[in-house]
Amino acid sequence: MKKAGDRLTKTLNKTDIEKAIKSGEKAVKEWENQLLPQQLLFYSAKQDGGNGVN
């Protein structure tokens, strides 16, 4: 009896996966360039000294 992922595993190779990752990385970078800094997932704000934080 074949498992559901057997066919997928046989058709994917390392090059395909690397291409997909690079393509995804490029798409994310292009998308992030359109966002304001405050909209980014990892936004870093300068400390203002308020609330006991220096």
C-alpha atoms as a PDB file:
ATOM      1  CA  MET A   1       0.000   0.000   0.000  1.00  0.00           C
ATOM      2  CA  LYS A   2       1.408   3.380  -1.022  1.00  0.00           C
ATOM      3  CA  LYS A   3       1.487   6.296   1.375  1.00  0.00           C
ATOM      4  CA  ALA A   4       0.020   9.645   0.375  1.00  0.00           C
ATOM      5  CA  GLY A   5       3.413  11.396   0.255  1.00  0.00           C
ATOM      6  CA  ASP A   6       5.295   8.718  -1.712  1.00  0.00           C
ATOM      7  CA  ARG A   7       4.617  10.233  -5.113  1.00  0.00           C
ATOM      8  CA  LEU A   8       5.412  13.750  -3.926  1.00  0.00           C
ATOM      9  CA  THR A   9       8.707  12.654  -2.397  1.00  0.00           C
ATOM     10  CA  LYS A  10       9.738  10.940  -5.618  1.00  0.00           C
ATOM     11  CA  THR A  11       8.965  13.962  -7.812  1.00  0.00           C
ATOM     12  CA  LEU A  12      10.641  16.653  -5.683  1.00  0.00           C
ATOM     13  CA  ASN A  13      14.376  17.015  -5.655  1.00  0.00           C
ATOM     14  CA  LYS A  14      16.812  19.271  -3.825  1.00  0.00           C
ATOM     15  CA  THR A  15      17.057  21.727  -6.735  1.00  0.00           C
ATOM     16  CA  ASP A  16      13.272  22.170  -6.868  1.00  0.00           C
ATOM     17  CA  ILE A  17      13.143  22.924  -3.159  1.00  0.00           C
ATOM     18  CA  GLU A  18      16.062  25.374  -3.347  1.00  0.00           C
ATOM     19  CA  LYS A  19      14.405  27.193  -6.261  1.00  0.00           C
ATOM     20  CA  ALA A  20      11.126  27.429  -4.348  1.00  0.00           C
ATOM     21  CA  ILE A  21      12.847  28.835  -1.256  1.00  0.00           C
ATOM     22  CA  LYS A  22      14.794  31.422  -3.283  1.00  0.00           C
ATOM     23  CA  SER A  23      11.653  32.430  -5.153  1.00  0.00           C
ATOM     24  CA  GLY A  24       9.737  32.817  -1.900  1.00  0.00           C
ATOM     25  CA  GLU A  25      12.549  34.854  -0.353  1.00  0.00           C
ATOM     26  CA  LYS A  26      12.588  37.184  -3.360  1.00  0.00           C
ATOM     27  CA  ALA A  27       8.807  37.636  -3.221  1.00  0.00           C
ATOM     28  CA  VAL A  28       8.914  38.470   0.500  1.00  0.00           C
ATOM     29  CA  LYS A  29      11.688  41.037   0.010  1.00  0.00           C
ATOM     30  CA  GLU A  30       9.743  42.727  -2.794  1.00  0.00           C
ATOM     31  CA  TRP A  31       6.599  42.770  -0.638  1.00  0.00           C
ATOM     32  CA  GLU A  32       8.461  44.137   2.413  1.00  0.00           C
ATOM     33  CA  ASN A  33       9.873  46.997   0.320  1.00  0.00           C
ATOM     34  CA  GLN A  34       6.297  48.228  -0.164  1.00  0.00           C
ATOM     35  CA  LEU A  35       5.545  48.325   3.574  1.00  0.00           C
ATOM     36  CA  LEU A  36       6.177  51.028   6.132  1.00  0.00           C
ATOM     37  CA  PRO A  37       8.782  50.084   8.756  1.00  0.00           C
ATOM     38  CA  GLN A  38       6.027  49.812  11.392  1.00  0.00           C
ATOM     39  CA  GLN A  39       4.243  47.193   9.291  1.00  0.00           C
ATOM     40  CA  LEU A  40       7.189  44.802   9.147  1.00  0.00           C
ATOM     41  CA  LEU A  41       7.069  41.625  11.204  1.00  0.00           C
ATOM     42  CA  PHE A  42      10.301  42.515  13.010  1.00  0.00           C
ATOM     43  CA  TYR A  43      10.009  46.262  13.570  1.00  0.00           C
ATOM     44  CA  SER A  44      12.662  47.870  15.751  1.00  0.00           C
ATOM     45  CA  ALA A  45      11.792  51.158  17.425  1.00  0.00           C
ATOM     46  CA  LYS A  46      14.312  53.387  19.169  1.00  0.00           C
ATOM     47  CA  GLN A  47      14.042  53.368  22.948  1.00  0.00           C
ATOM     48  CA  ASP A  48      12.449  56.550  24.245  1.00  0.00           C
ATOM     49  CA  GLY A  49      13.127  56.204  27.963  1.00  0.00           C
ATOM     50  CA  GLY A  50       9.417  56.036  28.765  1.00  0.00           C
ATOM     51  CA  ASN A  51       7.931  53.515  31.185  1.00  0.00           C
ATOM     52  CA  GLY A  52      11.294  52.926  32.847  1.00  0.00           C
ATOM     53  CA  VAL A  53      12.922  51.726  29.616  1.00  0.00           C
ATOM     54  CA  ASN A  54      16.188  53.367  28.588  1.00  0.00           C
END
